[in-house]
Amino acid sequence: MRTRLLGSIAIICLASFFAGCHSGSSDTASNTPATQPTALPIPPDSIFAKVKMGEERDEVYAAIGQPTRVDRYMTGKAWIPYHFSGSDENRIAAHYKGVGIITFGNDSQYTSGYSVVDITYDPNEPG
């Protein structure tokens, strides 16, 4: 009886192992890498040309003005149990209509400062 039970468990384990290894698709188009959209260069006459990576949020707002819309979100680093530095756990996306998005990351969990971590120029940004 015990041998029969162990044999049944072994067969179920092997069947589930091989079922998990099957890709389930023979489509070769799914194996091609996805292309990333190309980033547009920032024109010299754009207000985003005044913004530098690492610049503080207040400095950016003073130089180019307030954004049309602001979105706040948490990054995955906020959920790391032993992430003691606290930097880049929260982000602010400042949307400028017809110009693009400037993303700020928090400097530390102990301060209220945010610095530029990404500049995306997009003339089709709805704001």
N, C-alpha and C. Protein backbone atom coordinates (compact mmCIF):
# COMPACT_ATOMS: atom_id res chain seq x y z
N MET A 1 0.82 -1.20 0.00
CA MET A 1 0.00 0.00 0.00
C MET A 1 0.87 1.26 0.00
N ARG A 2 1.89 1.25 0.87
CA ARG A 2 2.76 2.42 0.97
C ARG A 2 3.55 2.62 -0.33
N THR A 3 4.02 1.56 -0.94
CA THR A 3 4.76 1.63 -2.19
C THR A 3 3.88 2.18 -3.31
N ARG A 4 2.64 1.74 -3.32
CA ARG A 4 1.69 2.21 -4.33
C ARG A 4 1.44 3.71 -4.16
N LEU A 5 1.32 4.20 -2.91
CA LEU A 5 1.10 5.62 -2.63
C LEU A 5 2.30 6.45 -3.06
N LEU A 6 3.51 5.99 -2.72
CA LEU A 6 4.73 6.70 -3.12
C LEU A 6 4.88 6.72 -4.65
N GLY A 7 4.52 5.62 -5.31
CA GLY A 7 4.59 5.57 -6.77
C GLY A 7 3.61 6.56 -7.40
N SER A 8 2.41 6.66 -6.83
CA SER A 8 1.41 7.60 -7.35
C SER A 8 1.88 9.04 -7.17
N ILE A 9 2.47 9.34 -6.01
CA ILE A 9 2.98 10.69 -5.76
C ILE A 9 4.11 11.02 -6.72
N ALA A 10 5.00 10.06 -6.98
CA ALA A 10 6.11 10.28 -7.92
C ALA A 10 5.58 10.56 -9.33
N ILE A 11 4.59 9.82 -9.76
CA ILE A 11 4.02 10.02 -11.10
C ILE A 11 3.36 11.39 -11.20
N ILE A 12 2.63 11.80 -10.15
CA ILE A 12 1.98 13.11 -10.17
C ILE A 12 3.02 14.22 -10.19
N CYS A 13 4.09 14.06 -9.42
CA CYS A 13 5.16 15.07 -9.41
C CYS A 13 5.84 15.18 -10.77
N LEU A 14 6.16 14.05 -11.39
CA LEU A 14 6.79 14.09 -12.71
C LEU A 14 5.86 14.69 -13.76
N ALA A 15 4.59 14.34 -13.71
CA ALA A 15 3.62 14.87 -14.68
C ALA A 15 3.49 16.39 -14.53
N SER A 16 3.44 16.87 -13.28
CA SER A 16 3.32 18.31 -13.09
C SER A 16 4.61 19.03 -13.48
N PHE A 17 5.76 18.38 -13.27
CA PHE A 17 7.03 18.98 -13.68
C PHE A 17 7.08 19.16 -15.19
N PHE A 18 6.77 18.11 -15.93
CA PHE A 18 6.82 18.20 -17.38
C PHE A 18 5.72 19.09 -17.95
N ALA A 19 4.58 19.16 -17.29
CA ALA A 19 3.51 20.06 -17.74
C ALA A 19 3.93 21.51 -17.54
N GLY A 20 4.69 21.79 -16.50
CA GLY A 20 5.16 23.15 -16.24
C GLY A 20 6.26 23.58 -17.20
N CYS A 21 6.99 22.61 -17.76
CA CYS A 21 8.08 22.93 -18.68
C CYS A 21 7.58 23.24 -20.09
N HIS A 22 6.38 22.85 -20.41
CA HIS A 22 5.83 23.08 -21.74
C HIS A 22 5.50 24.55 -21.93
N SER A 23 5.96 25.13 -23.04
CA SER A 23 5.72 26.56 -23.27
C SER A 23 4.29 26.84 -23.67
N GLY A 24 3.64 25.91 -24.33
CA GLY A 24 2.24 26.09 -24.69
C GLY A 24 2.03 26.89 -25.95
N SER A 25 3.09 27.36 -26.57
CA SER A 25 2.94 28.16 -27.78
C SER A 25 4.05 27.82 -28.75
N SER A 26 3.71 27.68 -30.01
CA SER A 26 4.72 27.43 -31.02
C SER A 26 4.88 28.64 -31.93
N ASP A 27 4.31 29.76 -31.54
CA ASP A 27 4.38 30.98 -32.33
C ASP A 27 5.77 31.58 -32.22
N THR A 28 6.45 31.76 -33.35
CA THR A 28 7.81 32.30 -33.32
C THR A 28 7.81 33.81 -33.16
N ALA A 29 6.69 34.46 -33.43
CA ALA A 29 6.63 35.92 -33.28
C ALA A 29 6.72 36.33 -31.82
N SER A 30 6.28 35.47 -30.91
CA SER A 30 6.35 35.81 -29.49
C SER A 30 7.77 35.73 -28.95
N ASN A 31 8.67 35.08 -29.68
CA ASN A 31 10.05 34.96 -29.23
C ASN A 31 10.91 36.14 -29.65
N THR A 32 10.39 37.03 -30.45
CA THR A 32 11.16 38.19 -30.86
C THR A 32 11.12 39.24 -29.77
N PRO A 33 12.24 39.92 -29.52
CA PRO A 33 12.25 40.92 -28.45
C PRO A 33 11.38 42.12 -28.82
N ALA A 34 10.72 42.68 -27.81
CA ALA A 34 9.88 43.85 -28.02
C ALA A 34 10.77 45.07 -28.24
N THR A 35 10.36 45.92 -29.13
CA THR A 35 11.15 47.12 -29.38
C THR A 35 10.69 48.23 -28.45
N GLN A 36 11.65 48.95 -27.90
CA GLN A 36 11.36 50.07 -27.02
C GLN A 36 11.12 51.31 -27.87
N PRO A 37 10.16 52.15 -27.47
CA PRO A 37 9.97 53.39 -28.20
C PRO A 37 11.20 54.28 -28.02
N THR A 38 11.59 54.91 -29.10
CA THR A 38 12.77 55.76 -29.02
C THR A 38 12.42 57.07 -28.34
N ALA A 39 13.31 57.51 -27.46
CA ALA A 39 13.10 58.77 -26.76
C ALA A 39 13.44 59.92 -27.68
N LEU A 40 12.60 60.92 -27.66
CA LEU A 40 12.85 62.09 -28.49
C LEU A 40 13.89 62.98 -27.82
N PRO A 41 14.83 63.52 -28.59
CA PRO A 41 15.79 64.44 -27.99
C PRO A 41 15.09 65.75 -27.59
N ILE A 42 15.58 66.36 -26.54
CA ILE A 42 14.99 67.62 -26.07
C ILE A 42 15.53 68.76 -26.92
N PRO A 43 14.65 69.52 -27.58
CA PRO A 43 15.11 70.65 -28.39
C PRO A 43 15.71 71.75 -27.51
N PRO A 44 16.68 72.49 -28.02
CA PRO A 44 17.32 73.52 -27.21
C PRO A 44 16.38 74.65 -26.78
N ASP A 45 15.31 74.89 -27.54
CA ASP A 45 14.39 75.97 -27.20
C ASP A 45 13.26 75.53 -26.26
N SER A 46 13.26 74.24 -25.84
CA SER A 46 12.24 73.72 -24.93
C SER A 46 12.57 74.13 -23.50
N ILE A 47 11.51 74.22 -22.66
CA ILE A 47 11.75 74.54 -21.25
C ILE A 47 12.47 73.39 -20.56
N PHE A 48 12.35 72.17 -21.08
CA PHE A 48 13.03 71.02 -20.49
C PHE A 48 14.54 71.08 -20.68
N ALA A 49 15.02 71.90 -21.61
CA ALA A 49 16.46 72.06 -21.82
C ALA A 49 17.11 72.72 -20.61
N LYS A 50 16.33 73.42 -19.80
CA LYS A 50 16.86 74.08 -18.60
C LYS A 50 17.01 73.13 -17.43
N VAL A 51 16.41 71.95 -17.50
CA VAL A 51 16.38 71.00 -16.38
C VAL A 51 17.56 70.05 -16.49
N LYS A 52 18.21 69.79 -15.35
CA LYS A 52 19.36 68.88 -15.29
C LYS A 52 19.02 67.70 -14.37
N MET A 53 19.57 66.54 -14.67
CA MET A 53 19.39 65.36 -13.82
C MET A 53 19.95 65.66 -12.43
N GLY A 54 19.23 65.23 -11.39
CA GLY A 54 19.67 65.44 -10.02
C GLY A 54 19.28 66.78 -9.43
N GLU A 55 18.66 67.64 -10.23
CA GLU A 55 18.25 68.95 -9.75
C GLU A 55 17.05 68.81 -8.81
N GLU A 56 16.99 69.65 -7.79
CA GLU A 56 15.91 69.60 -6.80
C GLU A 56 14.59 70.06 -7.41
N ARG A 57 13.49 69.54 -6.89
CA ARG A 57 12.15 69.84 -7.41
C ARG A 57 11.84 71.33 -7.33
N ASP A 58 12.17 71.99 -6.21
CA ASP A 58 11.89 73.42 -6.07
C ASP A 58 12.66 74.25 -7.09
N GLU A 59 13.89 73.85 -7.39
CA GLU A 59 14.70 74.55 -8.40
C GLU A 59 14.08 74.42 -9.79
N VAL A 60 13.58 73.22 -10.09
CA VAL A 60 12.95 72.98 -11.39
C VAL A 60 11.70 73.81 -11.53
N TYR A 61 10.84 73.81 -10.50
CA TYR A 61 9.61 74.59 -10.56
C TYR A 61 9.91 76.08 -10.67
N ALA A 62 10.96 76.55 -10.02
CA ALA A 62 11.32 77.96 -10.12
C ALA A 62 11.83 78.31 -11.51
N ALA A 63 12.50 77.37 -12.17
CA ALA A 63 13.07 77.64 -13.49
C ALA A 63 12.05 77.55 -14.62
N ILE A 64 11.14 76.54 -14.55
CA ILE A 64 10.24 76.33 -15.69
C ILE A 64 8.77 76.47 -15.34
N GLY A 65 8.44 76.67 -14.09
CA GLY A 65 7.04 76.85 -13.70
C GLY A 65 6.41 75.58 -13.17
N GLN A 66 5.20 75.73 -12.66
CA GLN A 66 4.45 74.62 -12.09
C GLN A 66 3.93 73.70 -13.20
N PRO A 67 3.83 72.39 -12.93
CA PRO A 67 3.32 71.45 -13.93
C PRO A 67 1.81 71.56 -14.09
N THR A 68 1.31 71.02 -15.18
CA THR A 68 -0.12 70.96 -15.44
C THR A 68 -0.80 69.97 -14.50
N ARG A 69 -0.16 68.81 -14.29
CA ARG A 69 -0.70 67.77 -13.43
C ARG A 69 0.45 67.06 -12.72
N VAL A 70 0.20 66.59 -11.49
CA VAL A 70 1.21 65.87 -10.71
C VAL A 70 0.64 64.53 -10.28
N ASP A 71 1.39 63.46 -10.50
CA ASP A 71 1.02 62.11 -10.04
C ASP A 71 2.09 61.64 -9.06
N ARG A 72 1.66 61.01 -7.96
CA ARG A 72 2.58 60.44 -6.98
C ARG A 72 2.37 58.93 -6.94
N TYR A 73 3.49 58.20 -6.82
CA TYR A 73 3.39 56.75 -6.71
C TYR A 73 4.60 56.20 -5.97
N MET A 74 4.44 54.97 -5.46
CA MET A 74 5.52 54.28 -4.75
C MET A 74 6.24 53.35 -5.71
N THR A 75 7.54 53.20 -5.53
CA THR A 75 8.31 52.25 -6.33
C THR A 75 8.39 50.93 -5.58
N GLY A 76 8.95 49.92 -6.20
CA GLY A 76 9.11 48.62 -5.56
C GLY A 76 10.06 48.65 -4.39
N LYS A 77 10.95 49.64 -4.35
CA LYS A 77 11.90 49.73 -3.24
C LYS A 77 11.21 49.99 -1.90
N ALA A 78 10.01 50.51 -1.93
CA ALA A 78 9.27 50.77 -0.69
C ALA A 78 8.89 49.47 0.01
N TRP A 79 8.90 48.36 -0.72
CA TRP A 79 8.47 47.08 -0.15
C TRP A 79 9.64 46.16 0.20
N ILE A 80 10.88 46.64 0.04
CA ILE A 80 12.04 45.85 0.42
C ILE A 80 12.21 45.97 1.94
N PRO A 81 12.20 44.86 2.68
CA PRO A 81 12.21 44.95 4.14
C PRO A 81 13.44 45.65 4.73
N TYR A 82 14.61 45.45 4.15
CA TYR A 82 15.82 46.02 4.73
C TYR A 82 16.43 47.09 3.83
N HIS A 83 15.60 47.91 3.24
CA HIS A 83 16.06 49.03 2.41
C HIS A 83 16.13 50.26 3.32
N PHE A 84 17.27 50.39 4.01
CA PHE A 84 17.38 51.39 5.06
C PHE A 84 17.63 52.81 4.55
N SER A 85 18.18 52.96 3.34
CA SER A 85 18.48 54.32 2.86
C SER A 85 17.22 55.11 2.60
N GLY A 86 16.16 54.43 2.17
CA GLY A 86 14.89 55.11 1.95
C GLY A 86 14.84 55.97 0.71
N SER A 87 15.91 55.98 -0.08
CA SER A 87 15.90 56.81 -1.27
C SER A 87 15.17 56.11 -2.41
N ASP A 88 14.52 56.90 -3.24
CA ASP A 88 13.79 56.43 -4.42
C ASP A 88 12.65 55.47 -4.09
N GLU A 89 12.04 55.62 -2.94
CA GLU A 89 10.87 54.82 -2.60
C GLU A 89 9.59 55.45 -3.12
N ASN A 90 9.58 56.76 -3.24
CA ASN A 90 8.42 57.49 -3.74
C ASN A 90 8.85 58.32 -4.94
N ARG A 91 7.96 58.48 -5.87
CA ARG A 91 8.24 59.30 -7.06
C ARG A 91 7.09 60.26 -7.32
N ILE A 92 7.45 61.35 -7.96
CA ILE A 92 6.47 62.35 -8.39
C ILE A 92 6.68 62.54 -9.89
N ALA A 93 5.61 62.38 -10.66
CA ALA A 93 5.64 62.62 -12.10
C ALA A 93 4.96 63.95 -12.37
N ALA A 94 5.75 64.93 -12.81
CA ALA A 94 5.22 66.26 -13.12
C ALA A 94 4.94 66.33 -14.62
N HIS A 95 3.67 66.41 -14.99
CA HIS A 95 3.26 66.45 -16.40
C HIS A 95 3.14 67.90 -16.87
N TYR A 96 3.79 68.22 -17.97
CA TYR A 96 3.69 69.54 -18.58
C TYR A 96 3.03 69.37 -19.94
N LYS A 97 1.87 70.00 -20.10
CA LYS A 97 1.09 69.85 -21.33
C LYS A 97 1.89 70.31 -22.54
N GLY A 98 1.98 69.44 -23.54
CA GLY A 98 2.67 69.76 -24.78
C GLY A 98 4.18 69.74 -24.67
N VAL A 99 4.73 69.33 -23.52
CA VAL A 99 6.18 69.31 -23.36
C VAL A 99 6.67 67.92 -22.94
N GLY A 100 6.07 67.33 -21.91
CA GLY A 100 6.51 66.01 -21.47
C GLY A 100 6.36 65.82 -19.98
N ILE A 101 7.17 64.90 -19.43
CA ILE A 101 7.08 64.52 -18.02
C ILE A 101 8.46 64.57 -17.38
N ILE A 102 8.53 65.17 -16.20
CA ILE A 102 9.74 65.14 -15.39
C ILE A 102 9.43 64.30 -14.16
N THR A 103 10.26 63.28 -13.91
CA THR A 103 10.04 62.39 -12.78
C THR A 103 11.06 62.70 -11.68
N PHE A 104 10.55 62.87 -10.47
CA PHE A 104 11.38 63.15 -9.30
C PHE A 104 11.34 61.95 -8.37
N GLY A 105 12.48 61.60 -7.79
CA GLY A 105 12.56 60.54 -6.79
C GLY A 105 12.95 61.12 -5.44
N ASN A 106 12.41 60.54 -4.36
CA ASN A 106 12.74 61.10 -3.05
C ASN A 106 14.21 60.83 -2.71
N ASP A 107 14.84 61.81 -2.04
CA ASP A 107 16.26 61.73 -1.72
C ASP A 107 16.53 60.79 -0.55
N SER A 108 15.65 60.79 0.44
CA SER A 108 15.84 59.98 1.63
C SER A 108 14.51 59.90 2.37
N GLN A 109 14.35 58.89 3.20
CA GLN A 109 13.12 58.79 4.00
C GLN A 109 13.13 59.80 5.13
N TYR A 110 14.29 60.41 5.40
CA TYR A 110 14.41 61.35 6.51
C TYR A 110 14.28 62.80 6.08
N THR A 111 14.19 63.06 4.77
CA THR A 111 14.04 64.43 4.29
C THR A 111 12.83 64.50 3.37
N SER A 112 12.45 65.70 3.02
CA SER A 112 11.31 65.88 2.12
C SER A 112 11.77 66.27 0.72
N GLY A 113 13.05 66.11 0.42
CA GLY A 113 13.59 66.51 -0.88
C GLY A 113 13.33 65.50 -1.98
N TYR A 114 13.12 66.01 -3.18
CA TYR A 114 12.94 65.19 -4.37
C TYR A 114 13.86 65.73 -5.45
N SER A 115 14.55 64.82 -6.17
CA SER A 115 15.47 65.20 -7.23
C SER A 115 15.03 64.58 -8.55
N VAL A 116 15.44 65.19 -9.65
CA VAL A 116 15.10 64.69 -10.99
C VAL A 116 15.80 63.36 -11.25
N VAL A 117 15.01 62.33 -11.61
CA VAL A 117 15.57 61.03 -11.97
C VAL A 117 15.30 60.68 -13.43
N ASP A 118 14.35 61.38 -14.08
CA ASP A 118 14.05 61.10 -15.48
C ASP A 118 13.39 62.31 -16.13
N ILE A 119 13.77 62.57 -17.38
CA ILE A 119 13.16 63.64 -18.18
C ILE A 119 12.69 63.00 -19.48
N THR A 120 11.38 63.05 -19.73
CA THR A 120 10.81 62.49 -20.94
C THR A 120 10.17 63.59 -21.76
N TYR A 121 10.78 63.92 -22.88
CA TYR A 121 10.22 64.94 -23.77
C TYR A 121 9.18 64.29 -24.66
N ASP A 122 7.97 64.82 -24.64
CA ASP A 122 6.87 64.30 -25.45
C ASP A 122 5.95 65.46 -25.82
N PRO A 123 6.05 65.99 -27.05
CA PRO A 123 5.20 67.11 -27.44
C PRO A 123 3.71 66.76 -27.48
N ASN A 124 3.36 65.47 -27.41
CA ASN A 124 1.95 65.05 -27.41
C ASN A 124 1.40 64.82 -26.01
N GLU A 125 2.15 65.19 -24.99
CA GLU A 125 1.70 65.01 -23.60
C GLU A 125 0.43 65.80 -23.34
N PRO A 126 -0.65 65.12 -22.91
CA PRO A 126 -1.92 65.83 -22.70
C PRO A 126 -1.96 66.68 -21.41
N GLY A 127 -0.97 66.45 -20.55
CA GLY A 127 -0.95 67.25 -19.31
C GLY A 127 -1.76 66.63 -18.33
